Amino acid sequence: MPHAFFCGGAGPESIVEINFKNKEKGLSIDQRVKIRGTFKLNADDIEHFNYRIVDAQIYK
């Protein structure tokens, strides 16, 4: 999606923040990959999205 998620009327609950365990190289915008990681709910830290996947790794 080349536009911001909220332009289509969606809210912050419609996106997930992904933090990779290791720096991933070669990924491009809108590229689809499968990942594994730990899903976390964020209720307190306004610097991050509501839903996060931390320690993510690309699943092949």
PDB file of N, CA and C in Angstrom:
ATOM      1  N   MET A   1       0.852  -1.175   0.000  1.00  0.00           N
ATOM      2  CA  MET A   1       0.000   0.000   0.000  1.00  0.00           C
ATOM      3  C   MET A   1       0.896   1.235   0.000  1.00  0.00           C
ATOM      4  N   PRO A   2       0.919   1.997  -1.069  1.00  0.00           N
ATOM      5  CA  PRO A   2       1.851   3.107  -1.170  1.00  0.00           C
ATOM      6  C   PRO A   2       1.432   4.346  -0.385  1.00  0.00           C
ATOM      7  N   HIS A   3       0.283   4.308   0.241  1.00  0.00           N
ATOM      8  CA  HIS A   3      -0.211   5.465   0.987  1.00  0.00           C
ATOM      9  C   HIS A   3      -0.255   5.132   2.466  1.00  0.00           C
ATOM     10  N   ALA A   4      -0.359   6.162   3.287  1.00  0.00           N
ATOM     11  CA  ALA A   4      -0.459   5.949   4.728  1.00  0.00           C
ATOM     12  C   ALA A   4      -1.739   5.175   5.056  1.00  0.00           C
ATOM     13  N   PHE A   5      -1.661   4.298   6.037  1.00  0.00           N
ATOM     14  CA  PHE A   5      -2.796   3.454   6.387  1.00  0.00           C
ATOM     15  C   PHE A   5      -4.037   4.262   6.757  1.00  0.00           C
ATOM     16  N   PHE A   6      -3.862   5.430   7.349  1.00  0.00           N
ATOM     17  CA  PHE A   6      -5.005   6.206   7.802  1.00  0.00           C
ATOM     18  C   PHE A   6      -5.701   6.979   6.684  1.00  0.00           C
ATOM     19  N   CYS A   7      -5.082   7.074   5.510  1.00  0.00           N
ATOM     20  CA  CYS A   7      -5.712   7.762   4.381  1.00  0.00           C
ATOM     21  C   CYS A   7      -6.967   7.026   3.913  1.00  0.00           C
ATOM     22  N   GLY A   8      -6.988   5.728   4.085  1.00  0.00           N
ATOM     23  CA  GLY A   8      -8.140   4.927   3.684  1.00  0.00           C
ATOM     24  C   GLY A   8      -9.171   4.795   4.777  1.00  0.00           C
ATOM     25  N   GLY A   9      -9.030   5.505   5.869  1.00  0.00           N
ATOM     26  CA  GLY A   9      -9.998   5.459   6.961  1.00  0.00           C
ATOM     27  C   GLY A   9      -9.661   4.445   8.035  1.00  0.00           C
ATOM     28  N   ALA A  10      -8.536   3.761   7.921  1.00  0.00           N
ATOM     29  CA  ALA A  10      -8.140   2.784   8.934  1.00  0.00           C
ATOM     30  C   ALA A  10      -7.509   3.502  10.120  1.00  0.00           C
ATOM     31  N   GLY A  11      -7.435   2.815  11.214  1.00  0.00           N
ATOM     32  CA  GLY A  11      -6.832   3.378  12.409  1.00  0.00           C
ATOM     33  C   GLY A  11      -5.573   2.624  12.792  1.00  0.00           C
ATOM     34  N   PRO A  12      -4.960   3.011  13.905  1.00  0.00           N
ATOM     35  CA  PRO A  12      -3.713   2.367  14.326  1.00  0.00           C
ATOM     36  C   PRO A  12      -3.899   0.891  14.684  1.00  0.00           C
ATOM     37  N   GLU A  13      -5.128   0.477  14.923  1.00  0.00           N
ATOM     38  CA  GLU A  13      -5.383  -0.927  15.240  1.00  0.00           C
ATOM     39  C   GLU A  13      -5.270  -1.837  14.021  1.00  0.00           C
ATOM     40  N   SER A  14      -5.099  -1.255  12.852  1.00  0.00           N
ATOM     41  CA  SER A  14      -5.049  -2.049  11.623  1.00  0.00           C
ATOM     42  C   SER A  14      -3.620  -2.340  11.151  1.00  0.00           C
ATOM     43  N   ILE A  15      -2.611  -1.933  11.935  1.00  0.00           N
ATOM     44  CA  ILE A  15      -1.225  -2.157  11.526  1.00  0.00           C
ATOM     45  C   ILE A  15      -0.435  -2.825  12.653  1.00  0.00           C
ATOM     46  N   VAL A  16       0.666  -3.443  12.288  1.00  0.00           N
ATOM     47  CA  VAL A  16       1.537  -4.118  13.246  1.00  0.00           C
ATOM     48  C   VAL A  16       2.960  -3.610  13.050  1.00  0.00           C
ATOM     49  N   GLU A  17       3.614  -3.288  14.129  1.00  0.00           N
ATOM     50  CA  GLU A  17       5.018  -2.887  14.094  1.00  0.00           C
ATOM     51  C   GLU A  17       5.874  -4.151  14.189  1.00  0.00           C
ATOM     52  N   ILE A  18       6.886  -4.246  13.343  1.00  0.00           N
ATOM     53  CA  ILE A  18       7.754  -5.416  13.346  1.00  0.00           C
ATOM     54  C   ILE A  18       9.172  -4.987  13.678  1.00  0.00           C
ATOM     55  N   ASN A  19       9.741  -5.610  14.697  1.00  0.00           N
ATOM     56  CA  ASN A  19      11.127  -5.383  15.079  1.00  0.00           C
ATOM     57  C   ASN A  19      11.886  -6.685  14.875  1.00  0.00           C
ATOM     58  N   PHE A  20      12.807  -6.681  13.891  1.00  0.00           N
ATOM     59  CA  PHE A  20      13.547  -7.895  13.566  1.00  0.00           C
ATOM     60  C   PHE A  20      14.634  -8.178  14.592  1.00  0.00           C
ATOM     61  N   LYS A  21      14.856  -9.455  14.819  1.00  0.00           N
ATOM     62  CA  LYS A  21      15.901  -9.899  15.739  1.00  0.00           C
ATOM     63  C   LYS A  21      17.273  -9.514  15.193  1.00  0.00           C
ATOM     64  N   ASN A  22      17.477  -9.749  13.917  1.00  0.00           N
ATOM     65  CA  ASN A  22      18.712  -9.373  13.224  1.00  0.00           C
ATOM     66  C   ASN A  22      18.344  -8.398  12.111  1.00  0.00           C
ATOM     67  N   LYS A  23      19.266  -7.552  11.768  1.00  0.00           N
ATOM     68  CA  LYS A  23      18.991  -6.584  10.709  1.00  0.00           C
ATOM     69  C   LYS A  23      18.757  -7.314   9.392  1.00  0.00           C
ATOM     70  N   GLU A  24      17.586  -7.115   8.814  1.00  0.00           N
ATOM     71  CA  GLU A  24      17.241  -7.768   7.551  1.00  0.00           C
ATOM     72  C   GLU A  24      17.602  -6.836   6.400  1.00  0.00           C
ATOM     73  N   LYS A  25      18.323  -7.360   5.431  1.00  0.00           N
ATOM     74  CA  LYS A  25      18.728  -6.575   4.277  1.00  0.00           C
ATOM     75  C   LYS A  25      17.959  -7.048   3.058  1.00  0.00           C
ATOM     76  N   GLY A  26      17.723  -6.141   2.150  1.00  0.00           N
ATOM     77  CA  GLY A  26      17.113  -6.512   0.881  1.00  0.00           C
ATOM     78  C   GLY A  26      15.600  -6.518   0.863  1.00  0.00           C
ATOM     79  N   LEU A  27      14.956  -6.121   1.946  1.00  0.00           N
ATOM     80  CA  LEU A  27      13.496  -6.048   1.942  1.00  0.00           C
ATOM     81  C   LEU A  27      13.066  -4.731   1.313  1.00  0.00           C
ATOM     82  N   SER A  28      11.975  -4.771   0.565  1.00  0.00           N
ATOM     83  CA  SER A  28      11.473  -3.550  -0.052  1.00  0.00           C
ATOM     84  C   SER A  28      10.047  -3.273   0.420  1.00  0.00           C
ATOM     85  N   ILE A  29       9.610  -2.054   0.234  1.00  0.00           N
ATOM     86  CA  ILE A  29       8.254  -1.660   0.624  1.00  0.00           C
ATOM     87  C   ILE A  29       7.258  -2.522  -0.135  1.00  0.00           C
ATOM     88  N   ASP A  30       6.233  -2.971   0.552  1.00  0.00           N
ATOM     89  CA  ASP A  30       5.159  -3.807   0.004  1.00  0.00           C
ATOM     90  C   ASP A  30       5.602  -5.220  -0.353  1.00  0.00           C
ATOM     91  N   GLN A  31       6.823  -5.611  -0.013  1.00  0.00           N
ATOM     92  CA  GLN A  31       7.253  -6.990  -0.242  1.00  0.00           C
ATOM     93  C   GLN A  31       6.582  -7.881   0.799  1.00  0.00           C
ATOM     94  N   ARG A  32       6.077  -9.004   0.362  1.00  0.00           N
ATOM     95  CA  ARG A  32       5.426  -9.938   1.271  1.00  0.00           C
ATOM     96  C   ARG A  32       6.412 -11.012   1.704  1.00  0.00           C
ATOM     97  N   VAL A  33       6.494 -11.208   3.009  1.00  0.00           N
ATOM     98  CA  VAL A  33       7.320 -12.265   3.575  1.00  0.00           C
ATOM     99  C   VAL A  33       6.566 -12.877   4.743  1.00  0.00           C
ATOM    100  N   LYS A  34       6.924 -14.082   5.100  1.00  0.00           N
ATOM    101  CA  LYS A  34       6.392 -14.717   6.302  1.00  0.00           C
ATOM    102  C   LYS A  34       7.400 -14.518   7.407  1.00  0.00           C
ATOM    103  N   ILE A  35       6.900 -14.209   8.594  1.00  0.00           N
ATOM    104  CA  ILE A  35       7.794 -13.986   9.721  1.00  0.00           C
ATOM    105  C   ILE A  35       7.333 -14.788  10.927  1.00  0.00           C
ATOM    106  N   ARG A  36       8.260 -15.000  11.840  1.00  0.00           N
ATOM    107  CA  ARG A  36       7.972 -15.571  13.151  1.00  0.00           C
ATOM    108  C   ARG A  36       8.554 -14.631  14.182  1.00  0.00           C
ATOM    109  N   GLY A  37       7.861 -14.489  15.301  1.00  0.00           N
ATOM    110  CA  GLY A  37       8.342 -13.631  16.361  1.00  0.00           C
ATOM    111  C   GLY A  37       7.397 -13.680  17.544  1.00  0.00           C
ATOM    112  N   THR A  38       7.588 -12.780  18.480  1.00  0.00           N
ATOM    113  CA  THR A  38       6.757 -12.704  19.677  1.00  0.00           C
ATOM    114  C   THR A  38       5.796 -11.538  19.539  1.00  0.00           C
ATOM    115  N   PHE A  39       4.495 -11.843  19.625  1.00  0.00           N
ATOM    116  CA  PHE A  39       3.457 -10.817  19.515  1.00  0.00           C
ATOM    117  C   PHE A  39       3.270 -10.155  20.867  1.00  0.00           C
ATOM    118  N   LYS A  40       3.278  -8.822  20.884  1.00  0.00           N
ATOM    119  CA  LYS A  40       3.098  -8.078  22.138  1.00  0.00           C
ATOM    120  C   LYS A  40       2.040  -6.996  21.957  1.00  0.00           C
ATOM    121  N   LEU A  41       1.226  -6.841  22.969  1.00  0.00           N
ATOM    122  CA  LEU A  41       0.260  -5.737  23.003  1.00  0.00           C
ATOM    123  C   LEU A  41       0.918  -4.562  23.704  1.00  0.00           C
ATOM    124  N   ASN A  42       0.744  -3.372  23.165  1.00  0.00           N
ATOM    125  CA  ASN A  42       1.343  -2.173  23.730  1.00  0.00           C
ATOM    126  C   ASN A  42       0.230  -1.233  24.177  1.00  0.00           C
ATOM    127  N   ALA A  43       0.145  -0.998  25.458  1.00  0.00           N
ATOM    128  CA  ALA A  43      -0.881  -0.103  25.991  1.00  0.00           C
ATOM    129  C   ALA A  43      -0.299   1.190  26.543  1.00  0.00           C
ATOM    130  N   ASP A  44       1.025   1.243  26.715  1.00  0.00           N
ATOM    131  CA  ASP A  44       1.616   2.366  27.448  1.00  0.00           C
ATOM    132  C   ASP A  44       2.603   3.227  26.663  1.00  0.00           C
ATOM    133  N   ASP A  45       3.331   2.667  25.753  1.00  0.00           N
ATOM    134  CA  ASP A  45       4.426   3.378  25.089  1.00  0.00           C
ATOM    135  C   ASP A  45       3.931   4.036  23.802  1.00  0.00           C
ATOM    136  N   ILE A  46       3.772   5.352  23.820  1.00  0.00           N
ATOM    137  CA  ILE A  46       3.232   6.061  22.658  1.00  0.00           C
ATOM    138  C   ILE A  46       4.235   6.147  21.502  1.00  0.00           C
ATOM    139  N   GLU A  47       5.465   5.716  21.739  1.00  0.00           N
ATOM    140  CA  GLU A  47       6.482   5.714  20.692  1.00  0.00           C
ATOM    141  C   GLU A  47       6.361   4.496  19.768  1.00  0.00           C
ATOM    142  N   HIS A  48       5.463   3.561  20.119  1.00  0.00           N
ATOM    143  CA  HIS A  48       5.294   2.339  19.340  1.00  0.00           C
ATOM    144  C   HIS A  48       3.818   2.109  19.052  1.00  0.00           C
ATOM    145  N   PHE A  49       3.542   1.247  18.052  1.00  0.00           N
ATOM    146  CA  PHE A  49       2.168   0.935  17.677  1.00  0.00           C
ATOM    147  C   PHE A  49       1.494   0.055  18.725  1.00  0.00           C
ATOM    148  N   ASN A  50       0.175  -0.102  18.594  1.00  0.00           N
ATOM    149  CA  ASN A  50      -0.602  -0.908  19.543  1.00  0.00           C
ATOM    150  C   ASN A  50      -0.188  -2.376  19.525  1.00  0.00           C
ATOM    151  N   TYR A  51       0.092  -2.898  18.331  1.00  0.00           N
ATOM    152  CA  TYR A  51       0.477  -4.295  18.176  1.00  0.00           C
ATOM    153  C   TYR A  51       1.897  -4.360  17.645  1.00  0.00           C
ATOM    154  N   ARG A  52       2.698  -5.230  18.260  1.00  0.00           N
ATOM    155  CA  ARG A  52       4.100  -5.346  17.869  1.00  0.00           C
ATOM    156  C   ARG A  52       4.491  -6.808  17.738  1.00  0.00           C
ATOM    157  N   ILE A  53       5.382  -7.082  16.830  1.00  0.00           N
ATOM    158  CA  ILE A  53       6.027  -8.382  16.755  1.00  0.00           C
ATOM    159  C   ILE A  53       7.508  -8.108  16.954  1.00  0.00           C
ATOM    160  N   VAL A  54       8.051  -8.640  18.035  1.00  0.00           N
ATOM    161  CA  VAL A  54       9.460  -8.402  18.375  1.00  0.00           C
ATOM    162  C   VAL A  54      10.264  -9.677  18.154  1.00  0.00           C
ATOM    163  N   ASP A  55      11.561  -9.523  18.009  1.00  0.00           N
ATOM    164  CA  ASP A  55      12.468 -10.647  17.725  1.00  0.00           C
ATOM    165  C   ASP A  55      12.012 -11.422  16.485  1.00  0.00           C
ATOM    166  N   ALA A  56      11.515 -10.701  15.504  1.00  0.00           N
ATOM    167  CA  ALA A  56      10.998 -11.327  14.279  1.00  0.00           C
ATOM    168  C   ALA A  56      12.138 -11.844  13.418  1.00  0.00           C
ATOM    169  N   GLN A  57      11.859 -12.962  12.750  1.00  0.00           N
ATOM    170  CA  GLN A  57      12.785 -13.539  11.784  1.00  0.00           C
ATOM    171  C   GLN A  57      11.978 -13.942  10.564  1.00  0.00           C
ATOM    172  N   ILE A  58      12.567 -13.820   9.396  1.00  0.00           N
ATOM    173  CA  ILE A  58      11.876 -14.241   8.184  1.00  0.00           C
ATOM    174  C   ILE A  58      11.792 -15.759   8.188  1.00  0.00           C
ATOM    175  N   TYR A  59      10.599 -16.245   7.922  1.00  0.00           N
ATOM    176  CA  TYR A  59      10.305 -17.674   7.901  1.00  0.00           C
ATOM    177  C   TYR A  59      10.286 -18.142   6.460  1.00  0.00           C
ATOM    178  N   LYS A  60      11.100 -19.120   6.147  1.00  0.00           N
ATOM    179  CA  LYS A  60      11.171 -19.600   4.756  1.00  0.00           C
ATOM    180  C   LYS A  60      10.572 -20.964   4.621  1.00  0.00           C
TER     181      LYS A  60
END
